[in-house]
């Protein structure tokens, strides 16, 4: 089940969704669910899905 996370990091403040299989964070719950389904079924990540992950600059 996708985990809801609240983040406060510069411009990326808000509610996001985390794939509990690989830990990547997405702005849209539908993409996070696709990621989680793929990870669970294939035991790997899909580059077409993960390119939508939120990137945080240090």
C-alpha atoms as a PDB file:
ATOM      1  CA  UNK A   1       0.000   0.000   0.000  1.00  0.00           C
ATOM      2  CA  UNK A   2       1.368   3.407  -0.981  1.00  0.00           C
ATOM      3  CA  UNK A   3       2.483   5.493   1.990  1.00  0.00           C
ATOM      4  CA  UNK A   4       1.415   9.151   2.256  1.00  0.00           C
ATOM      5  CA  UNK A   5       4.268  11.438   3.281  1.00  0.00           C
ATOM      6  CA  UNK A   6       4.348  15.125   4.185  1.00  0.00           C
ATOM      7  CA  UNK A   7       7.503  16.912   3.084  1.00  0.00           C
ATOM      8  CA  UNK A   8       8.881  20.361   3.723  1.00  0.00           C
ATOM      9  CA  UNK A   9      11.919  20.808   1.498  1.00  0.00           C
ATOM     10  CA  UNK A  10      12.291  24.143  -0.324  1.00  0.00           C
ATOM     11  CA  UNK A  11       9.920  24.110  -3.336  1.00  0.00           C
ATOM     12  CA  UNK A  12       8.887  20.478  -2.767  1.00  0.00           C
ATOM     13  CA  UNK A  13       6.672  21.182   0.281  1.00  0.00           C
ATOM     14  CA  UNK A  14       3.400  19.255   0.396  1.00  0.00           C
ATOM     15  CA  UNK A  15       1.816  15.817   0.366  1.00  0.00           C
ATOM     16  CA  UNK A  16       3.527  13.087  -1.655  1.00  0.00           C
ATOM     17  CA  UNK A  17       3.232   9.347  -2.090  1.00  0.00           C
ATOM     18  CA  UNK A  18       5.956   6.779  -1.470  1.00  0.00           C
ATOM     19  CA  UNK A  19       6.328   3.338  -3.012  1.00  0.00           C
ATOM     20  CA  UNK A  20       6.834   1.096   0.011  1.00  0.00           C
ATOM     21  CA  UNK A  21       8.757  -1.431  -2.084  1.00  0.00           C
ATOM     22  CA  UNK A  22      11.606   0.801  -3.342  1.00  0.00           C
ATOM     23  CA  UNK A  23      11.109   4.034  -1.359  1.00  0.00           C
ATOM     24  CA  UNK A  24      10.793   6.426  -4.315  1.00  0.00           C
ATOM     25  CA  UNK A  25       8.461   9.390  -3.814  1.00  0.00           C
ATOM     26  CA  UNK A  26       5.916  10.691  -6.320  1.00  0.00           C
ATOM     27  CA  UNK A  27       3.615  13.717  -6.584  1.00  0.00           C
ATOM     28  CA  UNK A  28       0.720  11.590  -7.907  1.00  0.00           C
ATOM     29  CA  UNK A  29      -0.754   8.621  -6.087  1.00  0.00           C
ATOM     30  CA  UNK A  30      -1.546   6.807  -9.346  1.00  0.00           C
ATOM     31  CA  UNK A  31       2.121   6.749 -10.356  1.00  0.00           C
ATOM     32  CA  UNK A  32       3.178   5.648  -6.878  1.00  0.00           C
ATOM     33  CA  UNK A  33       0.702   2.750  -7.089  1.00  0.00           C
ATOM     34  CA  UNK A  34       2.033   1.753 -10.520  1.00  0.00           C
ATOM     35  CA  UNK A  35       5.568   1.829  -9.132  1.00  0.00           C
ATOM     36  CA  UNK A  36       4.643  -0.284  -6.149  1.00  0.00           C
ATOM     37  CA  UNK A  37       2.780  -2.827  -8.287  1.00  0.00           C
ATOM     38  CA  UNK A  38       5.715  -3.105 -10.698  1.00  0.00           C
ATOM     39  CA  UNK A  39       8.291  -3.418  -7.922  1.00  0.00           C
ATOM     40  CA  UNK A  40       6.273  -6.063  -6.100  1.00  0.00           C
ATOM     41  CA  UNK A  41       5.573  -8.158  -9.213  1.00  0.00           C
ATOM     42  CA  UNK A  42       8.957  -7.865 -10.954  1.00  0.00           C
ATOM     43  CA  UNK A  43      11.364  -7.387  -8.012  1.00  0.00           C
ATOM     44  CA  UNK A  44      12.902  -4.466  -9.926  1.00  0.00           C
ATOM     45  CA  UNK A  45      12.205  -0.851 -10.873  1.00  0.00           C
ATOM     46  CA  UNK A  46      10.807   0.340 -14.204  1.00  0.00           C
ATOM     47  CA  UNK A  47      12.629   3.336 -15.712  1.00  0.00           C
ATOM     48  CA  UNK A  48       9.460   4.606 -17.403  1.00  0.00           C
ATOM     49  CA  UNK A  49       7.803   4.847 -13.982  1.00  0.00           C
ATOM     50  CA  UNK A  50      10.770   5.996 -11.878  1.00  0.00           C
ATOM     51  CA  UNK A  51      11.520   8.943 -14.169  1.00  0.00           C
ATOM     52  CA  UNK A  52       8.459  10.552 -12.524  1.00  0.00           C
ATOM     53  CA  UNK A  53       9.943  10.339  -9.018  1.00  0.00           C
ATOM     54  CA  UNK A  54      10.517  13.560  -7.077  1.00  0.00           C
ATOM     55  CA  UNK A  55      14.171  14.585  -7.045  1.00  0.00           C
ATOM     56  CA  UNK A  56      15.442  16.533  -4.085  1.00  0.00           C
ATOM     57  CA  UNK A  57      18.490  18.753  -4.332  1.00  0.00           C
ATOM     58  CA  UNK A  58      20.717  18.833  -1.260  1.00  0.00           C
END
